[in-house]
Amino acid sequence: MTNILQTSHRPWVLFDATNPEHRAHYAEFCALSSWGKCPVRFMYDPNYVDLLSHIQCELVKFYIAQEFKSKFKKKVVDNVDQG
């Protein structure tokens, strides 16, 4: 017999700003102020204080790399890769 904890289990994943699904889950969290509808649980890098700090920092790095990749391609991409 399957219990409720097994059926409601959401897998743990590390937030990846390059993944559009992860960005969509974060946008939904911002709109609802809840992770309740998120199909995954996000882990965070221990170098950050908490999950939101991790996600926000990763998003800033991602969007800066996107915006300025042609102007500062090597430097910005290398810094994003290094974390």
Protein backbone atom coordinates (compact mmCIF):
# COMPACT_ATOMS: atom_id res chain seq x y z
CA MET A 1 0.00 0.00 0.00
CA THR A 2 1.33 3.45 -0.92
CA ASN A 3 1.23 6.06 1.80
CA ILE A 4 0.68 9.80 1.34
CA LEU A 5 4.34 10.65 1.96
CA GLN A 6 5.47 8.49 -0.93
CA THR A 7 2.94 9.93 -3.39
CA SER A 8 3.63 13.55 -2.52
CA HIS A 9 7.43 13.27 -2.64
CA ARG A 10 9.06 15.95 -4.73
CA PRO A 11 12.61 15.31 -5.95
CA TRP A 12 15.47 17.49 -4.71
CA VAL A 13 17.33 19.42 -7.43
CA LEU A 14 19.96 22.14 -7.43
CA PHE A 15 18.57 25.38 -8.86
CA ASP A 16 19.94 25.98 -12.35
CA ALA A 17 19.35 29.50 -13.70
CA THR A 18 19.95 28.26 -17.26
CA ASN A 19 16.98 25.90 -16.96
CA PRO A 20 13.77 27.69 -18.08
CA GLU A 21 11.63 25.37 -15.95
CA HIS A 22 13.58 26.34 -12.83
CA ARG A 23 13.15 30.04 -13.67
CA ALA A 24 9.42 29.46 -14.17
CA HIS A 25 9.16 27.72 -10.78
CA TYR A 26 10.88 30.69 -9.14
CA ALA A 27 8.58 33.16 -10.96
CA GLU A 28 5.58 31.20 -9.69
CA PHE A 29 7.04 31.29 -6.16
CA CYS A 30 7.40 35.08 -6.44
CA ALA A 31 3.76 35.42 -7.58
CA LEU A 32 2.30 33.09 -4.93
CA SER A 33 4.82 33.49 -2.07
CA SER A 34 4.73 29.71 -1.81
CA TRP A 35 6.56 26.68 -3.15
CA GLY A 36 3.36 24.63 -2.72
CA LYS A 37 2.74 24.07 -6.44
CA CYS A 38 6.38 23.52 -7.34
CA PRO A 39 6.96 19.92 -8.50
CA VAL A 40 10.54 19.88 -7.18
CA ARG A 41 12.38 20.95 -4.05
CA PHE A 42 15.36 23.17 -4.64
CA MET A 43 18.61 22.61 -2.79
CA TYR A 44 21.05 25.43 -2.36
CA ASP A 45 24.81 25.66 -2.41
CA PRO A 46 26.19 25.85 1.15
CA ASN A 47 28.17 28.94 0.11
CA TYR A 48 24.88 30.86 0.29
CA VAL A 49 22.91 31.75 3.39
CA ASP A 50 19.62 30.33 2.14
CA LEU A 51 17.73 29.15 -0.92
CA LEU A 52 16.45 32.56 -2.00
CA SER A 53 19.93 34.09 -1.79
CA HIS A 54 21.26 31.25 -3.94
CA ILE A 55 18.52 31.61 -6.57
CA GLN A 56 18.74 35.39 -6.74
CA CYS A 57 22.52 35.36 -7.12
CA GLU A 58 22.38 32.68 -9.82
CA LEU A 59 19.70 34.63 -11.71
CA VAL A 60 21.72 37.85 -11.56
CA LYS A 61 24.78 36.04 -12.94
CA PHE A 62 22.67 34.40 -15.66
CA TYR A 63 20.97 37.60 -16.83
CA ILE A 64 24.17 39.67 -16.72
CA ALA A 65 25.91 37.02 -18.81
CA GLN A 66 22.99 37.11 -21.26
CA GLU A 67 22.93 40.89 -21.53
CA PHE A 68 26.65 41.51 -21.76
CA LYS A 69 27.97 38.33 -23.39
CA SER A 70 28.85 40.09 -26.64
CA LYS A 71 30.55 43.03 -24.93
CA PHE A 72 32.52 41.14 -22.29
CA LYS A 73 32.14 37.60 -23.58
CA LYS A 74 35.22 35.89 -22.14
CA LYS A 75 35.28 37.63 -18.76
CA VAL A 76 31.54 37.39 -17.99
CA VAL A 77 31.18 33.79 -19.14
CA ASP A 78 34.29 32.72 -17.20
CA ASN A 79 33.00 34.42 -14.04
CA VAL A 80 29.59 32.76 -14.37
CA ASP A 81 31.22 29.36 -14.86
CA GLN A 82 33.37 29.87 -11.75
CA GLY A 83 30.33 30.77 -9.63
